[in-house]
Protein backbone atom coordinates (compact mmCIF):
# COMPACT_ATOMS: atom_id res chain seq x y z
CA MET A 1 87.18 88.77 59.02
CA GLU A 2 88.38 85.97 56.88
CA SER A 3 88.36 86.61 53.24
CA ARG A 4 85.78 84.44 51.10
CA LYS A 5 87.18 81.72 49.23
CA THR A 6 86.90 81.78 45.51
CA ARG A 7 84.98 79.28 43.78
CA LEU A 8 87.83 78.36 41.35
CA ASN A 9 91.05 76.42 41.59
CA LEU A 10 93.81 78.67 40.66
CA PRO A 11 97.50 78.03 40.78
CA ALA A 12 99.46 79.75 43.50
CA GLY A 13 100.20 83.49 43.32
CA MET A 14 97.34 83.98 40.43
CA GLU A 15 94.83 84.91 42.86
CA THR A 16 96.52 88.21 43.62
CA SER A 17 96.89 88.87 39.95
CA LEU A 18 93.43 87.87 38.81
CA ARG A 19 90.91 89.32 40.91
CA LEU A 20 87.56 87.94 40.46
CA ASP A 21 84.83 90.88 41.39
CA THR A 22 81.89 88.81 40.15
CA PRO A 23 78.48 89.69 41.99
CA ALA A 24 77.37 87.42 44.34
CA ALA A 25 73.78 87.33 42.69
CA ALA A 26 75.56 86.07 39.46
CA LEU A 27 76.50 82.76 40.97
CA SER A 28 73.26 82.28 43.03
CA PRO A 29 71.18 79.46 42.28
CA VAL A 30 68.51 80.10 39.44
CA LYS A 31 65.13 79.62 41.08
CA THR A 32 62.04 78.28 39.45
CA SER A 33 58.51 78.86 40.65
CA SER A 34 58.83 75.79 42.75
CA PRO A 35 60.46 76.47 46.26
CA SER A 36 61.26 73.01 46.72
CA LYS A 37 63.59 72.57 43.82
CA THR A 38 66.83 74.28 42.61
CA THR A 39 68.17 74.34 39.28
CA TYR A 40 71.39 75.30 37.74
CA SER A 41 71.57 75.49 34.00
CA ASP A 42 73.75 76.75 31.25
CA ARG A 43 71.31 76.09 28.61
CA PHE A 44 71.00 78.91 25.87
CA ILE A 45 67.36 80.24 25.69
CA PRO A 46 66.86 82.14 22.59
CA CYS A 47 64.70 85.28 22.30
CA ARG A 48 61.23 84.12 20.95
CA SER A 49 60.57 87.84 19.52
CA SER A 50 62.87 86.98 16.93
CA SER A 51 61.38 83.70 15.56
CA ARG A 52 58.27 85.18 14.04
CA LEU A 53 55.83 83.82 16.24
CA GLN A 54 54.00 87.04 16.03
CA ASN A 55 52.20 85.56 12.87
CA PHE A 56 50.60 82.64 15.01
CA ALA A 57 48.31 84.49 17.39
CA LEU A 58 48.54 83.14 21.08
CA GLY A 59 47.79 86.04 22.98
CA GLU A 60 44.18 86.43 21.86
CA MET A 61 42.92 83.73 23.85
CA ALA A 62 39.86 84.39 25.78
CA SER A 63 39.85 86.69 28.72
CA PRO A 64 37.14 86.94 31.34
CA ALA A 65 36.06 90.31 29.86
CA LYS A 66 35.87 89.13 26.40
CA GLU A 67 34.60 85.28 26.49
CA GLY A 68 33.53 84.89 30.30
CA GLY A 69 33.11 80.93 30.68
CA ASN A 70 36.22 80.30 28.22
CA GLU A 71 38.71 81.49 30.98
CA VAL A 72 39.31 78.16 32.23
CA TYR A 73 39.81 76.40 29.09
CA SER A 74 42.18 79.18 28.06
CA ARG A 75 44.14 78.41 31.18
CA LEU A 76 44.27 75.00 30.66
CA LEU A 77 45.18 75.04 26.98
CA MET A 78 48.14 77.71 27.82
CA ALA A 79 49.08 75.21 30.66
CA GLU A 80 49.47 72.31 28.27
CA LEU A 81 51.47 74.20 25.53
CA LEU A 82 53.43 76.61 27.58
CA GLY A 83 54.15 74.98 30.82
CA GLN A 84 52.40 73.99 34.19
CA ASP A 85 52.42 77.66 35.64
CA ALA A 86 51.87 79.67 32.58
CA THR A 87 49.09 82.16 32.81
CA PRO A 88 47.57 84.59 30.22
CA ASN A 89 48.66 87.54 32.08
CA SER A 90 51.19 88.32 34.77
CA PRO A 91 50.04 89.83 38.02
CA SER A 92 51.09 93.30 36.89
CA GLY A 93 48.50 92.99 33.98
CA GLN A 94 51.45 92.96 31.35
CA PRO A 95 51.65 89.93 28.69
CA ASN A 96 53.64 87.00 30.27
CA PRO A 97 57.12 86.80 28.77
CA ILE A 98 56.82 83.02 28.61
CA SER A 99 53.84 83.20 26.32
CA PRO A 100 54.10 84.72 22.76
CA ASN A 101 51.70 87.39 21.89
CA LYS A 102 49.53 85.65 19.42
CA ASN A 103 47.37 82.47 18.98
CA LEU A 104 49.31 79.61 17.74
CA PHE A 105 46.81 78.13 16.06
CA ARG A 106 45.60 80.86 13.94
CA PHE A 107 47.58 82.08 10.91
CA LYS A 108 47.78 85.56 9.85
CA THR A 109 49.61 87.16 7.26
CA ASP A 110 53.04 88.52 8.24
CA HIS A 111 52.60 92.32 6.68
CA SER A 112 56.42 92.99 7.53
CA THR A 113 57.66 90.91 4.69
CA PRO A 114 56.82 91.23 1.05
CA SER A 115 53.55 89.40 -0.11
CA SER A 116 53.94 86.19 -2.02
CA LEU A 117 51.87 84.50 -4.77
CA PHE A 118 50.27 82.34 -1.81
CA SER A 119 49.60 85.26 0.46
CA GLY A 120 46.10 86.03 -0.81
CA ALA A 121 44.89 82.50 -0.59
CA ALA A 122 46.22 82.16 3.18
CA SER A 123 44.59 85.46 4.30
CA ALA A 124 41.35 84.68 2.49
CA SER A 125 40.38 82.24 4.99
CA GLU A 126 41.79 83.90 7.97
CA GLY A 127 40.81 82.24 11.41
CA CYS A 128 40.90 78.85 9.68
CA ALA A 129 43.50 76.16 10.33
CA LEU A 130 45.92 75.93 7.42
CA GLY A 131 44.93 72.34 6.69
CA GLU A 132 41.15 72.93 6.27
CA VAL A 133 42.06 74.88 3.14
CA SER A 134 41.33 72.74 0.00
CA THR A 135 40.73 72.87 -3.62
CA PRO A 136 37.12 73.52 -4.50
CA PRO A 137 35.07 70.55 -5.76
CA LYS A 138 34.98 70.08 -9.51
CA ALA A 139 31.64 71.39 -10.82
CA PRO A 140 29.53 68.58 -11.82
CA ARG A 141 29.00 67.96 -15.93
CA LYS A 142 25.85 70.09 -17.13
CA ILE A 143 23.61 68.30 -19.42
CA PRO A 144 21.18 70.31 -21.50
CA LYS A 145 17.61 69.73 -20.38
CA THR A 146 16.01 70.15 -24.13
CA PRO A 147 17.10 68.66 -27.22
CA HIS A 148 19.39 70.56 -29.60
CA LYS A 149 17.33 69.27 -32.81
CA VAL A 150 14.03 67.81 -33.58
CA LEU A 151 12.96 65.91 -36.59
CA ASP A 152 9.24 65.25 -37.56
CA ALA A 153 8.87 61.59 -38.35
CA PRO A 154 5.46 60.75 -39.41
CA SER A 155 4.26 57.01 -39.21
CA LEU A 156 7.04 56.30 -36.67
CA GLN A 157 5.33 53.17 -35.02
CA ASP A 158 4.48 53.09 -31.16
CA ASP A 159 5.54 49.22 -31.09
CA PHE A 160 7.69 48.36 -28.23
CA TYR A 161 9.01 45.06 -30.11
CA LEU A 162 10.35 47.20 -33.03
CA ASN A 163 13.94 48.90 -33.74
CA LEU A 164 13.42 51.32 -36.24
CA VAL A 165 16.21 53.98 -35.81
CA ASP A 166 20.03 53.21 -36.03
CA TRP A 167 23.10 55.67 -36.52
CA SER A 168 25.87 54.66 -38.79
CA SER A 169 29.61 55.08 -38.43
CA GLN A 170 29.43 57.21 -41.32
CA ASN A 171 27.20 59.67 -39.62
CA THR A 172 23.99 58.73 -41.57
CA LEU A 173 20.57 58.03 -39.75
CA ALA A 174 18.45 55.46 -40.87
CA VAL A 175 14.79 55.43 -39.85
CA GLY A 176 11.97 53.13 -40.79
CA LEU A 177 8.63 54.77 -41.27
CA SER A 178 5.71 52.52 -42.16
CA SER A 179 6.95 50.64 -45.39
CA CYS A 180 9.96 52.97 -46.42
CA VAL A 181 13.49 53.43 -45.00
CA TYR A 182 14.73 56.77 -45.22
CA LEU A 183 18.44 57.98 -44.58
CA TRP A 184 19.19 61.46 -42.85
CA SER A 185 22.84 62.67 -43.20
CA ALA A 186 23.99 64.31 -39.97
CA SER A 187 26.68 66.14 -41.87
CA THR A 188 24.45 68.08 -44.55
CA SER A 189 20.84 67.37 -43.31
CA LYS A 190 19.72 65.64 -46.63
CA VAL A 191 17.15 63.11 -46.55
CA THR A 192 17.19 60.26 -49.00
CA LYS A 193 14.48 57.50 -49.49
CA LEU A 194 16.45 54.14 -49.59
CA CYS A 195 13.30 51.97 -50.21
CA ASN A 196 9.81 51.25 -50.38
CA LEU A 197 8.65 47.63 -49.29
CA GLY A 198 5.07 47.96 -50.88
CA PRO A 199 1.72 48.24 -49.41
CA ARG A 200 1.77 44.33 -48.13
CA ASP A 201 4.97 44.64 -46.21
CA SER A 202 6.49 47.04 -43.57
CA VAL A 203 9.63 47.84 -41.81
CA CYS A 204 10.35 46.08 -38.54
CA GLY A 205 13.99 46.83 -37.80
CA VAL A 206 17.08 48.34 -39.07
CA GLN A 207 20.99 48.08 -38.52
CA TRP A 208 23.86 49.28 -39.86
CA THR A 209 27.13 47.40 -39.90
CA ARG A 210 29.82 48.58 -37.84
CA GLU A 211 31.77 50.04 -41.01
CA GLY A 212 28.30 51.91 -41.92
CA SER A 213 28.35 50.73 -45.66
CA TYR A 214 25.60 48.35 -45.66
CA LEU A 215 22.11 48.51 -44.09
CA ALA A 216 20.02 45.27 -42.81
CA ILE A 217 16.35 45.73 -42.87
CA GLY A 218 13.82 43.34 -41.12
CA THR A 219 10.07 43.13 -42.35
CA SER A 220 6.63 42.05 -41.37
CA LEU A 221 6.82 39.21 -43.74
CA GLY A 222 9.82 37.94 -41.99
CA GLU A 223 12.33 38.48 -44.82
CA VAL A 224 15.77 40.16 -44.24
CA GLN A 225 17.14 42.50 -46.78
CA ILE A 226 20.93 43.77 -47.08
CA TRP A 227 21.01 47.59 -48.85
CA ASP A 228 23.93 49.43 -49.94
CA GLY A 229 23.55 52.71 -48.27
CA ALA A 230 25.86 54.76 -50.36
CA ARG A 231 24.31 53.35 -53.89
CA GLY A 232 20.88 52.96 -52.78
CA LYS A 233 20.72 49.32 -54.06
CA ARG A 234 19.53 46.11 -52.72
CA ILE A 235 22.32 43.37 -52.48
CA ARG A 236 20.47 40.20 -51.36
CA SER A 237 17.25 39.32 -49.71
CA MET A 238 17.15 36.26 -47.18
CA ARG A 239 14.09 34.20 -45.78
CA GLY A 240 13.72 31.75 -43.12
CA HIS A 241 11.34 33.39 -40.54
CA GLN A 242 7.89 32.84 -40.44
CA THR A 243 6.82 36.25 -39.33
CA ARG A 244 8.19 39.49 -38.53
CA ALA A 245 11.95 40.17 -37.96
CA GLY A 246 12.06 43.17 -35.68
CA VAL A 247 15.46 42.69 -34.36
CA LEU A 248 18.75 42.59 -36.07
CA ALA A 249 22.63 42.38 -34.91
CA TRP A 250 25.75 42.34 -36.86
CA SER A 251 28.92 40.55 -36.14
CA SER A 252 31.57 41.02 -38.79
CA CYS A 253 29.99 39.31 -41.96
CA VAL A 254 27.29 37.42 -39.79
CA LEU A 255 23.79 38.87 -39.33
CA SER A 256 21.98 37.44 -36.68
CA SER A 257 17.99 38.17 -36.74
CA GLY A 258 15.52 37.75 -33.98
CA SER A 259 11.63 37.08 -34.86
CA ARG A 260 8.28 36.70 -33.53
CA ASP A 261 8.69 32.98 -34.48
CA LYS A 262 10.87 32.44 -31.32
CA ASN A 263 14.13 31.77 -33.28
CA ILE A 264 17.26 33.40 -33.91
CA LEU A 265 18.78 32.97 -37.54
CA GLN A 266 22.55 33.45 -38.36
CA HIS A 267 22.99 34.93 -41.90
CA ASP A 268 26.23 34.66 -43.54
CA LEU A 269 26.84 36.96 -46.26
CA ARG A 270 29.93 34.74 -47.56
CA VAL A 271 27.52 31.87 -48.71
CA SER A 272 24.41 31.67 -50.94
CA SER A 273 22.16 30.11 -48.57
CA ASP A 274 19.61 32.05 -46.34
CA TYR A 275 20.79 31.41 -43.18
CA VAL A 276 23.55 28.91 -41.60
CA SER A 277 22.46 28.24 -38.25
CA LYS A 278 19.45 28.68 -35.95
CA PHE A 279 19.36 29.45 -32.26
CA VAL A 280 16.47 27.96 -30.32
CA GLY A 281 15.73 28.93 -26.75
CA HIS A 282 13.10 31.36 -26.15
CA ARG A 283 9.61 30.56 -25.71
CA SER A 284 8.10 33.96 -27.26
CA GLU A 285 9.13 36.58 -29.44
CA VAL A 286 12.73 37.56 -29.73
CA CYS A 287 12.82 41.33 -29.12
CA GLY A 288 16.30 41.98 -28.01
CA LEU A 289 19.66 41.15 -29.63
CA LYS A 290 23.39 42.40 -29.21
CA TRP A 291 26.82 40.87 -30.11
CA SER A 292 29.57 41.50 -27.63
CA HIS A 293 32.29 43.81 -29.05
CA ASP A 294 34.75 40.97 -29.32
CA ASP A 295 31.95 39.00 -31.26
CA ARG A 296 32.12 35.99 -28.94
CA GLU A 297 28.99 36.20 -27.33
CA LEU A 298 25.36 37.10 -28.43
CA ALA A 299 22.69 38.18 -25.91
CA SER A 300 19.13 37.73 -26.73
CA GLY A 301 16.19 39.13 -24.91
CA GLY A 302 12.69 37.75 -25.29
CA ASN A 303 8.74 38.43 -24.46
CA ASP A 304 9.19 35.32 -22.38
CA ASN A 305 11.09 37.42 -19.55
CA GLN A 306 14.36 35.46 -20.54
CA LEU A 307 17.86 37.02 -21.04
CA LEU A 308 19.96 34.21 -23.04
CA ILE A 309 23.63 34.12 -23.54
CA TRP A 310 25.03 32.38 -26.47
CA SER A 311 28.59 31.42 -27.49
CA GLN A 312 29.78 31.59 -31.25
CA HIS A 313 31.25 28.16 -30.56
CA SER A 314 28.22 26.47 -28.85
CA GLN A 315 25.04 26.97 -30.84
CA GLN A 316 22.80 24.33 -29.75
CA GLN A 317 22.19 25.55 -26.02
CA PRO A 318 22.60 29.16 -24.47
CA VAL A 319 25.61 29.61 -22.16
CA HIS A 320 23.34 31.10 -19.57
CA ARG A 321 19.97 31.63 -18.92
CA LEU A 322 19.19 34.51 -16.96
CA SER A 323 15.61 34.66 -15.47
CA GLU A 324 15.74 37.66 -12.83
CA HIS A 325 13.56 39.96 -15.06
CA THR A 326 9.88 39.96 -14.55
CA ALA A 327 8.92 41.36 -18.02
CA ALA A 328 9.95 41.41 -21.48
CA VAL A 329 13.57 42.08 -21.89
CA LYS A 330 14.28 44.30 -25.03
CA ALA A 331 16.85 46.67 -23.90
CA ILE A 332 20.59 45.01 -24.16
CA ALA A 333 23.82 46.79 -24.05
CA TRP A 334 27.43 45.41 -23.75
CA SER A 335 30.07 47.55 -21.80
CA PRO A 336 32.85 48.95 -23.98
CA HIS A 337 34.94 49.52 -21.02
CA ARG A 338 34.96 46.09 -19.34
CA HIS A 339 35.06 42.76 -20.85
CA GLY A 340 31.95 40.61 -20.00
CA LEU A 341 29.83 43.40 -18.71
CA LEU A 342 26.33 43.36 -19.66
CA ALA A 343 23.30 45.66 -18.96
CA SER A 344 19.56 44.54 -19.59
CA GLY A 345 16.37 46.44 -18.98
CA GLY A 346 12.94 44.83 -18.44
CA GLY A 347 9.45 45.90 -19.44
CA THR A 348 6.65 47.70 -17.40
CA ALA A 349 6.18 44.92 -14.81
CA ASP A 350 9.86 44.93 -14.05
CA ARG A 351 11.27 48.39 -14.47
CA CYS A 352 14.73 47.33 -13.37
CA ILE A 353 18.13 47.62 -15.29
CA ARG A 354 20.40 44.57 -14.12
CA PHE A 355 23.93 44.25 -14.52
CA TRP A 356 25.72 40.83 -15.23
CA ASN A 357 28.84 39.22 -15.43
CA THR A 358 28.55 36.86 -18.58
CA LYS A 359 31.85 34.91 -17.65
CA ASN A 360 29.94 33.28 -14.79
CA GLY A 361 26.22 34.15 -15.31
CA THR A 362 26.12 36.23 -12.17
CA GLN A 363 24.05 39.52 -11.39
CA LEU A 364 26.44 42.29 -10.12
CA ASN A 365 23.80 45.03 -9.32
CA SER A 366 20.23 46.18 -10.40
CA VAL A 367 18.29 49.59 -10.26
CA ASP A 368 14.68 50.31 -10.30
CA THR A 369 14.07 53.20 -12.68
CA GLY A 370 10.59 53.35 -12.04
CA SER A 371 9.14 53.11 -15.69
CA GLN A 372 9.50 50.31 -18.51
CA VAL A 373 12.88 50.06 -19.94
CA CYS A 374 13.03 50.39 -23.81
CA ASN A 375 16.51 50.79 -24.51
CA LEU A 376 20.15 50.95 -23.24
CA ALA A 377 23.51 52.39 -24.60
CA TRP A 378 26.75 52.89 -22.83
CA GLY A 379 28.69 55.78 -23.49
CA LYS A 380 31.87 55.49 -25.48
CA ASN A 381 34.08 58.14 -23.86
CA VAL A 382 32.83 57.85 -20.36
CA ASN A 383 31.55 54.76 -18.18
CA GLU A 384 28.05 55.93 -18.11
CA LEU A 385 24.79 54.40 -19.45
CA VAL A 386 21.68 55.99 -20.95
CA SER A 387 18.42 54.44 -20.63
CA THR A 388 14.87 55.39 -22.30
CA HIS A 389 11.67 54.51 -20.73
CA GLY A 390 7.85 53.95 -21.60
CA TYR A 391 5.10 53.87 -19.13
CA SER A 392 4.73 55.71 -17.27
CA GLN A 393 7.30 58.70 -17.31
CA ASN A 394 8.63 58.56 -20.89
CA GLN A 395 12.01 59.74 -19.66
CA ILE A 396 15.60 59.58 -20.64
CA MET A 397 17.96 58.90 -17.92
CA VAL A 398 21.84 59.25 -17.78
CA TRP A 399 23.51 57.04 -14.94
CA LYS A 400 27.26 56.60 -13.80
CA TYR A 401 28.68 53.05 -13.30
CA PRO A 402 29.37 51.37 -11.16
CA SER A 403 27.92 53.92 -8.39
CA LEU A 404 24.52 53.83 -10.42
CA ALA A 405 24.00 57.53 -9.35
CA LYS A 406 21.90 59.64 -11.70
CA VAL A 407 23.59 62.02 -13.73
CA ALA A 408 20.34 63.57 -15.64
CA THR A 409 16.68 63.04 -16.42
CA LEU A 410 15.46 64.21 -19.52
CA THR A 411 11.85 64.51 -20.65
CA GLY A 412 10.01 65.93 -23.95
CA HIS A 413 8.60 63.08 -25.58
CA THR A 414 4.84 62.74 -24.84
CA LEU A 415 5.04 58.87 -25.60
CA ARG A 416 7.25 55.68 -24.88
CA VAL A 417 10.68 56.42 -25.80
CA LEU A 418 11.13 53.23 -27.86
CA TYR A 419 14.20 54.05 -30.10
CA LEU A 420 17.70 54.85 -29.23
CA ALA A 421 21.03 55.64 -31.24
CA VAL A 422 24.27 57.00 -30.40
CA SER A 423 26.20 59.37 -32.83
CA PRO A 424 29.82 58.08 -34.11
CA ASP A 425 31.55 60.62 -31.89
CA GLY A 426 29.85 59.36 -28.79
CA GLN A 427 28.34 62.52 -27.60
CA THR A 428 24.82 62.91 -29.12
CA ILE A 429 21.96 60.37 -28.78
CA VAL A 430 18.88 60.46 -30.87
CA THR A 431 15.60 59.35 -29.35
CA GLY A 432 12.25 58.42 -31.02
CA ALA A 433 8.97 57.85 -29.99
CA GLY A 434 5.32 57.03 -31.02
CA ASP A 435 4.93 60.98 -30.76
CA GLU A 436 6.33 60.75 -34.28
CA THR A 437 9.36 62.98 -33.34
CA LEU A 438 13.16 62.33 -33.35
CA ARG A 439 15.06 64.37 -30.64
CA PHE A 440 18.76 64.92 -30.44
CA TRP A 441 20.33 65.17 -27.12
CA ASN A 442 23.78 66.03 -26.01
CA VAL A 443 24.40 63.75 -22.99
CA PHE A 444 28.28 62.59 -23.04
CA PRO A 445 31.57 64.27 -23.44
CA SER A 446 33.94 64.23 -25.84
CA ILE A 447 37.13 61.98 -25.65
CA LYS A 448 39.56 62.98 -22.99
CA GLY A 449 42.25 65.06 -24.13
CA GLY A 450 41.06 65.59 -27.82
CA THR A 451 38.57 67.29 -29.35
CA PRO A 452 36.24 65.47 -31.87
CA VAL A 453 36.00 66.83 -35.30
CA ARG A 454 32.21 66.98 -36.30
CA ASP A 455 30.57 68.79 -39.21
CA MET A 456 28.03 70.79 -37.99
CA THR A 457 27.06 72.66 -40.96
CA GLY A 458 23.58 70.81 -41.35
CA TRP A 459 22.91 71.13 -37.94
CA SER A 460 19.95 73.84 -36.90
CA LEU A 461 17.92 74.43 -33.79
CA GLY A 462 14.82 74.53 -36.12
CA ARG A 463 12.32 71.67 -36.35
CA THR A 464 12.22 69.93 -39.69
CA HIS A 465 10.85 66.90 -41.40
CA ILE A 466 12.63 63.51 -42.23
CA ARG A 467 10.11 63.04 -44.91
C-alpha cells in the first residue's frame, strides 16, 4: 500500500529523520454549524472565563419555565449579540459555551475583588443600567411661611397711593404714621420719633438716600422736606406741588417727587431753588417713581394707567409711553441683574406684572397674579422678584426670572399689602398693610460664596410696637 504523502515540503533525506505523527483529525477542516461551508482558521480565540464577564449577567435570560412568553425575545436577543445560531442552552441542558453565564446588560458587584469607594453606589441600584445612575436633584430653597418678627404700627394708612415705609442702607427703617415719622433700628430695635408735621399736615411718602444718611418726606400739603436721620434735624423744605406728594425717588443729589397734581418735580439739593425742572406727561396722579441703577432713566407710573420712561437728557417728553396696563401703575422695579430691564405692576383691574426692555420700549413678558399689584422689588443676591398684593388675596409672592415660576406665596396680612422695603443685605423684606402691622420675612438667600454680617441682637420673635 502506497504510503501517505506529507503535506510539508521537506528537503530530500529529512523525511526519514523527521517523522510526523500528527493525528489526522488535527489537520481535518474545522466545521461550523453550517454544512455548506468549510473554514480554516489560525485565529486565536481567548478564553472568556478569564475576562470577568461573570459580572455582566447574560445567563439569566428568560426561560420558558420562568418567563413564558419571553422565550422568543430572549432567543432573538442572544442571536443578535452572540451569533446567528446561539441558543440559551445546549441540547444537553448545559449552558452554551458560546454564551457567558451572566446578563451583559446588568451590572453586578464583583465579590471576588476588594470593595471600592464606588461599590456601594453601584450595588444600591442593582438591576439598573449604569447610565441611569445620576446625582439626586437639588432640593428647592425653602422660604418660611410665617414672618419672624411683627411690629404694631398704629395709624398706618390703608391708601394705595402712599409710600410710607423705607429701609436705609444703614439698617434703619423709616415709617410714616399719620403726621409723624418714626425710625426703627434693625440692629438695636430702638425706636426714635424723627418729626411731627402737626395737626394740619400728614406724611404721604418717605425715601432714604442711597447712602442712608438723609430722609426725604413728602407731605399732604405738597411740601418735600429733607431730614438728617442721625441728628434728627430738618435740613431744608421745598415747595412746588399743589397737593400731596406721595412718591419720591433719589438720583444722587437730585430728588424726584410725584404728586396728585400730575407733575414730577426735580429737586437739586445743590441749588437754592425749590426745583430745577418739571416732567409733565401724566393725566392723573403720579403714584410710582423709580430711577434706574445708573441714574440715566426715570420710570413713572400714574393713576392714568400709563407707564412713562424719562431720560435725564430729555426732560420735555418721555422717551417711551407704555400703555398696556389697564389700571393704576404704582409698583415699579428696575432689575439690578440686567441693564434696561423694568418690571411694573397694575392695579385691581389689571393684576399683571409686565416686564419691559426700556431700550426699545417693548414688552418682554407678563404674568397675571390674580390680585392688585401694590409693590415690586428685585432680589439683590438672586435673579428673583417679590411682589405684594391687595384685592383680593392680600398675598406676597416670590417669582423666578425669567421663567416666572412661583417660588413661594406668603399670607398673613388681613388687608392690602401696600408697603414693601428690602433690608441692606438683601435677604429680608418688610411689608406693611392697613391692618396696622409691619411683618418681616426671610425670602432671599445670602450672597453666593459669602456669609453676610448682620447684627441680630435687636431681633426677637415677639410682637412689639413701633410707637
